[in-house]
């Protein structure tokens, strides 16, 4: 898990290397002023779902801040997911049950 925010709305992301994109529950997206764009259907671990594309203007997690992050808004999602579209921008190490995320150099 990583503490962060989406458009200044505090939240806790679940780091999910199986998620292609940052995924935000509908309720949080509404509070963060995120707007639904293109509608999508996708197969998730919980079955087929409908979602929409959106942008997080200003996102933080841990000590990092990222602008204009592509995300999906998922109506039935319970917790926000930090997906690979963001994780790929960082160096990730995993050892003894701990994941460390640092800047790529």
N, C-alpha and C. Protein backbone atom coordinates (compact mmCIF):
# COMPACT_ATOMS: atom_id res chain seq x y z
N UNK A 1 0.84 -1.18 0.00
CA UNK A 1 0.00 0.00 0.00
C UNK A 1 0.88 1.24 0.00
N UNK A 2 0.36 2.32 -0.55
CA UNK A 2 1.09 3.58 -0.59
C UNK A 2 0.10 4.73 -0.38
N UNK A 3 0.37 5.58 0.60
CA UNK A 3 -0.48 6.76 0.81
C UNK A 3 -0.26 7.73 -0.33
N UNK A 4 -1.32 8.40 -0.75
CA UNK A 4 -1.20 9.36 -1.83
C UNK A 4 -2.44 10.20 -1.96
N UNK A 5 -2.63 10.75 -3.17
CA UNK A 5 -3.82 11.56 -3.43
C UNK A 5 -4.10 11.58 -4.93
N UNK A 6 -5.35 11.88 -5.24
CA UNK A 6 -5.79 12.10 -6.61
C UNK A 6 -6.48 13.45 -6.62
N UNK A 7 -5.88 14.42 -7.30
CA UNK A 7 -6.42 15.78 -7.34
C UNK A 7 -6.71 16.31 -5.93
N UNK A 8 -5.74 16.10 -5.04
CA UNK A 8 -5.77 16.58 -3.64
C UNK A 8 -6.72 15.81 -2.73
N UNK A 9 -7.36 14.75 -3.20
CA UNK A 9 -8.20 13.91 -2.35
C UNK A 9 -7.31 12.81 -1.77
N UNK A 10 -7.09 12.79 -0.45
CA UNK A 10 -6.22 11.77 0.15
C UNK A 10 -6.79 10.36 -0.03
N UNK A 11 -5.89 9.41 -0.27
CA UNK A 11 -6.29 8.01 -0.40
C UNK A 11 -5.11 7.11 -0.16
N UNK A 12 -5.39 5.83 -0.09
CA UNK A 12 -4.34 4.82 0.03
C UNK A 12 -4.44 3.92 -1.19
N UNK A 13 -3.38 3.90 -2.00
CA UNK A 13 -3.33 3.04 -3.18
C UNK A 13 -2.88 1.64 -2.78
N UNK A 14 -3.47 0.64 -3.40
CA UNK A 14 -2.96 -0.71 -3.32
C UNK A 14 -2.07 -0.90 -4.54
N UNK A 15 -0.81 -1.23 -4.32
CA UNK A 15 0.14 -1.42 -5.42
C UNK A 15 -0.24 -2.73 -6.10
N UNK A 16 -0.58 -2.66 -7.39
CA UNK A 16 -1.08 -3.83 -8.11
C UNK A 16 -0.33 -3.97 -9.44
N UNK A 17 0.68 -4.82 -9.45
CA UNK A 17 1.46 -5.03 -10.66
C UNK A 17 0.66 -5.76 -11.74
N UNK A 18 -0.52 -6.26 -11.40
CA UNK A 18 -1.39 -6.90 -12.37
C UNK A 18 -2.37 -5.93 -13.01
N UNK A 19 -2.42 -4.70 -12.50
CA UNK A 19 -3.33 -3.68 -13.06
C UNK A 19 -2.59 -2.90 -14.14
N UNK A 20 -3.16 -2.79 -15.31
CA UNK A 20 -2.51 -2.05 -16.40
C UNK A 20 -2.46 -0.55 -16.11
N UNK A 21 -3.52 -0.03 -15.48
CA UNK A 21 -3.63 1.41 -15.23
C UNK A 21 -3.99 1.70 -13.79
N UNK A 22 -3.72 2.91 -13.36
CA UNK A 22 -4.24 3.38 -12.09
C UNK A 22 -5.75 3.24 -12.18
N UNK A 23 -6.36 2.64 -11.16
CA UNK A 23 -7.80 2.39 -11.16
C UNK A 23 -8.41 3.05 -9.93
N UNK A 24 -9.45 3.85 -10.15
CA UNK A 24 -10.04 4.64 -9.09
C UNK A 24 -11.51 4.27 -8.93
N UNK A 25 -11.96 4.02 -7.69
CA UNK A 25 -13.38 3.78 -7.47
C UNK A 25 -14.21 5.01 -7.85
N UNK A 26 -15.44 4.79 -8.30
CA UNK A 26 -16.31 5.87 -8.75
C UNK A 26 -16.48 6.95 -7.68
N UNK A 27 -16.68 6.56 -6.43
CA UNK A 27 -16.90 7.53 -5.35
C UNK A 27 -15.71 8.48 -5.18
N UNK A 28 -14.50 7.94 -5.23
CA UNK A 28 -13.30 8.78 -5.11
C UNK A 28 -13.15 9.66 -6.34
N UNK A 29 -13.42 9.10 -7.52
CA UNK A 29 -13.32 9.87 -8.77
C UNK A 29 -14.27 11.07 -8.72
N UNK A 30 -15.47 10.87 -8.21
CA UNK A 30 -16.43 11.97 -8.09
C UNK A 30 -15.88 13.07 -7.19
N UNK A 31 -15.33 12.70 -6.04
CA UNK A 31 -14.76 13.68 -5.10
C UNK A 31 -13.57 14.41 -5.71
N UNK A 32 -12.80 13.69 -6.54
CA UNK A 32 -11.60 14.26 -7.15
C UNK A 32 -11.90 15.06 -8.42
N UNK A 33 -13.15 15.14 -8.81
CA UNK A 33 -13.51 15.90 -10.01
C UNK A 33 -13.07 15.25 -11.31
N UNK A 34 -12.88 13.94 -11.29
CA UNK A 34 -12.48 13.22 -12.50
C UNK A 34 -13.70 13.02 -13.40
N UNK A 35 -13.49 13.17 -14.71
CA UNK A 35 -14.57 13.08 -15.68
C UNK A 35 -14.41 11.81 -16.52
N UNK A 36 -15.51 11.09 -16.70
CA UNK A 36 -15.48 9.88 -17.54
C UNK A 36 -15.32 10.26 -19.00
N UNK A 37 -14.43 9.54 -19.65
CA UNK A 37 -14.25 9.67 -21.09
C UNK A 37 -14.77 8.43 -21.76
N UNK A 38 -13.95 7.85 -22.61
CA UNK A 38 -14.31 6.65 -23.37
C UNK A 38 -14.71 5.51 -22.43
N UNK A 39 -15.84 4.87 -22.73
CA UNK A 39 -16.30 3.71 -21.98
C UNK A 39 -15.53 2.47 -22.44
N UNK A 40 -15.16 1.62 -21.50
CA UNK A 40 -14.41 0.40 -21.78
C UNK A 40 -15.05 -0.78 -21.06
N UNK A 41 -14.84 -1.97 -21.60
CA UNK A 41 -15.19 -3.21 -20.90
C UNK A 41 -13.90 -3.99 -20.76
N UNK A 42 -13.70 -4.57 -19.60
CA UNK A 42 -12.47 -5.31 -19.37
C UNK A 42 -12.73 -6.51 -18.48
N UNK A 43 -11.89 -7.52 -18.65
CA UNK A 43 -11.95 -8.69 -17.79
C UNK A 43 -10.98 -8.48 -16.63
N UNK A 44 -11.50 -8.52 -15.41
CA UNK A 44 -10.69 -8.34 -14.21
C UNK A 44 -10.69 -9.65 -13.42
N UNK A 45 -10.00 -9.64 -12.31
CA UNK A 45 -9.99 -10.82 -11.44
C UNK A 45 -11.39 -11.15 -10.94
N UNK A 46 -12.28 -10.14 -10.90
CA UNK A 46 -13.65 -10.35 -10.43
C UNK A 46 -14.65 -10.51 -11.57
N UNK A 47 -14.17 -10.68 -12.79
CA UNK A 47 -15.06 -10.86 -13.93
C UNK A 47 -15.06 -9.67 -14.86
N UNK A 48 -15.98 -9.65 -15.82
CA UNK A 48 -16.05 -8.57 -16.80
C UNK A 48 -16.73 -7.36 -16.16
N UNK A 49 -16.16 -6.19 -16.40
CA UNK A 49 -16.72 -4.96 -15.83
C UNK A 49 -16.67 -3.84 -16.86
N UNK A 50 -17.48 -2.82 -16.62
CA UNK A 50 -17.47 -1.62 -17.44
C UNK A 50 -16.77 -0.52 -16.66
N UNK A 51 -15.97 0.26 -17.35
CA UNK A 51 -15.23 1.35 -16.73
C UNK A 51 -15.09 2.46 -17.75
N UNK A 52 -14.48 3.57 -17.35
CA UNK A 52 -14.24 4.64 -18.31
C UNK A 52 -12.84 5.21 -18.10
N UNK A 53 -12.28 5.73 -19.18
CA UNK A 53 -10.97 6.37 -19.12
C UNK A 53 -11.11 7.76 -18.50
N UNK A 54 -10.06 8.19 -17.81
CA UNK A 54 -10.04 9.53 -17.23
C UNK A 54 -8.59 9.96 -17.06
N UNK A 55 -8.42 11.17 -16.57
CA UNK A 55 -7.09 11.71 -16.28
C UNK A 55 -7.10 12.24 -14.85
N UNK A 56 -6.04 11.92 -14.11
CA UNK A 56 -5.82 12.54 -12.80
C UNK A 56 -4.84 13.68 -13.06
N UNK A 57 -5.29 14.91 -12.86
CA UNK A 57 -4.44 16.06 -13.14
C UNK A 57 -3.19 16.08 -12.27
N UNK A 58 -3.33 15.75 -10.99
CA UNK A 58 -2.21 15.80 -10.05
C UNK A 58 -2.35 14.61 -9.10
N UNK A 59 -1.41 13.69 -9.20
CA UNK A 59 -1.45 12.48 -8.38
C UNK A 59 -0.18 12.39 -7.54
N UNK A 60 -0.32 11.98 -6.29
CA UNK A 60 0.84 11.70 -5.45
C UNK A 60 0.75 10.28 -4.92
N UNK A 61 1.91 9.70 -4.67
CA UNK A 61 1.99 8.48 -3.87
C UNK A 61 3.37 8.47 -3.25
N UNK A 62 3.42 8.16 -1.94
CA UNK A 62 4.68 8.27 -1.22
C UNK A 62 5.23 9.67 -1.38
N UNK A 63 6.50 9.77 -1.76
CA UNK A 63 7.17 11.07 -1.93
C UNK A 63 7.07 11.59 -3.37
N UNK A 64 6.33 10.88 -4.24
CA UNK A 64 6.31 11.22 -5.66
C UNK A 64 5.06 11.99 -6.05
N UNK A 65 5.22 12.90 -7.01
CA UNK A 65 4.11 13.65 -7.60
C UNK A 65 4.18 13.48 -9.11
N UNK A 66 3.03 13.18 -9.72
CA UNK A 66 2.97 12.97 -11.16
C UNK A 66 1.78 13.78 -11.70
N UNK A 67 1.98 14.39 -12.85
CA UNK A 67 0.93 15.19 -13.48
C UNK A 67 0.30 14.41 -14.64
N UNK A 68 -0.97 14.66 -14.87
CA UNK A 68 -1.70 14.12 -16.04
C UNK A 68 -1.54 12.60 -16.17
N UNK A 69 -2.04 11.88 -15.18
CA UNK A 69 -1.93 10.42 -15.15
C UNK A 69 -3.19 9.80 -15.75
N UNK A 70 -3.01 8.93 -16.75
CA UNK A 70 -4.13 8.19 -17.31
C UNK A 70 -4.63 7.22 -16.24
N UNK A 71 -5.94 7.17 -16.08
CA UNK A 71 -6.54 6.28 -15.08
C UNK A 71 -7.85 5.75 -15.63
N UNK A 72 -8.37 4.73 -14.97
CA UNK A 72 -9.71 4.25 -15.27
C UNK A 72 -10.56 4.39 -14.01
N UNK A 73 -11.81 4.76 -14.22
CA UNK A 73 -12.78 4.86 -13.14
C UNK A 73 -13.62 3.59 -13.18
N UNK A 74 -13.65 2.88 -12.05
CA UNK A 74 -14.36 1.60 -11.98
C UNK A 74 -15.46 1.69 -10.92
N UNK A 75 -16.72 1.59 -11.33
CA UNK A 75 -17.84 1.75 -10.41
C UNK A 75 -17.86 0.78 -9.23
N UNK A 76 -17.47 -0.47 -9.42
CA UNK A 76 -17.56 -1.47 -8.35
C UNK A 76 -16.25 -1.71 -7.60
N UNK A 77 -15.23 -0.94 -7.90
CA UNK A 77 -13.94 -1.09 -7.24
C UNK A 77 -14.03 -0.56 -5.82
N UNK A 78 -13.45 -1.28 -4.87
CA UNK A 78 -13.51 -0.87 -3.46
C UNK A 78 -12.33 0.01 -3.05
N UNK A 79 -11.14 -0.28 -3.58
CA UNK A 79 -9.91 0.44 -3.20
C UNK A 79 -9.17 0.90 -4.44
N UNK A 80 -8.52 2.07 -4.40
CA UNK A 80 -7.74 2.54 -5.55
C UNK A 80 -6.51 1.66 -5.78
N UNK A 81 -6.22 1.41 -7.04
CA UNK A 81 -5.07 0.58 -7.41
C UNK A 81 -4.01 1.42 -8.12
N UNK A 82 -2.77 1.24 -7.74
CA UNK A 82 -1.63 1.88 -8.40
C UNK A 82 -1.14 0.89 -9.45
N UNK A 83 -1.43 1.17 -10.72
CA UNK A 83 -1.16 0.24 -11.81
C UNK A 83 0.17 0.46 -12.51
N UNK A 84 0.43 -0.40 -13.48
CA UNK A 84 1.72 -0.42 -14.17
C UNK A 84 2.00 0.82 -15.01
N UNK A 85 0.98 1.56 -15.46
CA UNK A 85 1.26 2.77 -16.22
C UNK A 85 2.03 3.79 -15.39
N UNK A 86 1.91 3.74 -14.07
CA UNK A 86 2.72 4.59 -13.19
C UNK A 86 3.94 3.82 -12.69
N UNK A 87 3.76 2.60 -12.28
CA UNK A 87 4.88 1.84 -11.71
C UNK A 87 6.04 1.69 -12.70
N UNK A 88 5.74 1.61 -14.01
CA UNK A 88 6.79 1.49 -15.02
C UNK A 88 7.72 2.70 -15.08
N UNK A 89 7.31 3.81 -14.50
CA UNK A 89 8.13 5.03 -14.50
C UNK A 89 9.16 5.02 -13.38
N UNK A 90 9.14 3.98 -12.54
CA UNK A 90 10.00 3.91 -11.36
C UNK A 90 10.79 2.62 -11.33
N UNK A 91 11.81 2.61 -10.49
CA UNK A 91 12.59 1.40 -10.24
C UNK A 91 11.93 0.67 -9.08
N UNK A 92 11.64 -0.61 -9.26
CA UNK A 92 10.96 -1.39 -8.24
C UNK A 92 11.85 -2.56 -7.83
N UNK A 93 12.04 -2.70 -6.52
CA UNK A 93 12.77 -3.85 -5.96
C UNK A 93 11.85 -4.54 -4.97
N UNK A 94 11.88 -5.88 -5.00
CA UNK A 94 11.08 -6.62 -4.04
C UNK A 94 11.95 -7.68 -3.41
N UNK A 95 11.97 -7.69 -2.08
CA UNK A 95 12.75 -8.67 -1.34
C UNK A 95 12.14 -8.88 0.04
N UNK A 96 12.10 -10.11 0.47
CA UNK A 96 11.62 -10.47 1.80
C UNK A 96 10.25 -9.85 2.12
N UNK A 97 9.34 -9.87 1.15
CA UNK A 97 7.99 -9.39 1.37
C UNK A 97 7.81 -7.88 1.36
N UNK A 98 8.87 -7.15 1.00
CA UNK A 98 8.81 -5.69 0.96
C UNK A 98 9.11 -5.20 -0.44
N UNK A 99 8.30 -4.26 -0.91
CA UNK A 99 8.53 -3.64 -2.22
C UNK A 99 9.05 -2.23 -1.99
N UNK A 100 10.14 -1.90 -2.67
CA UNK A 100 10.73 -0.56 -2.58
C UNK A 100 10.62 0.10 -3.95
N UNK A 101 10.04 1.30 -3.98
CA UNK A 101 9.87 2.05 -5.23
C UNK A 101 10.72 3.31 -5.15
N UNK A 102 11.62 3.46 -6.15
CA UNK A 102 12.50 4.63 -6.18
C UNK A 102 12.52 5.21 -7.59
N UNK A 103 13.06 6.44 -7.71
CA UNK A 103 13.22 7.07 -9.03
C UNK A 103 14.09 6.20 -9.91
N UNK A 104 13.78 6.18 -11.22
CA UNK A 104 14.67 5.54 -12.18
C UNK A 104 15.81 6.50 -12.47
N UNK A 105 17.01 5.99 -12.47
CA UNK A 105 18.17 6.84 -12.78
C UNK A 105 18.95 6.23 -13.91
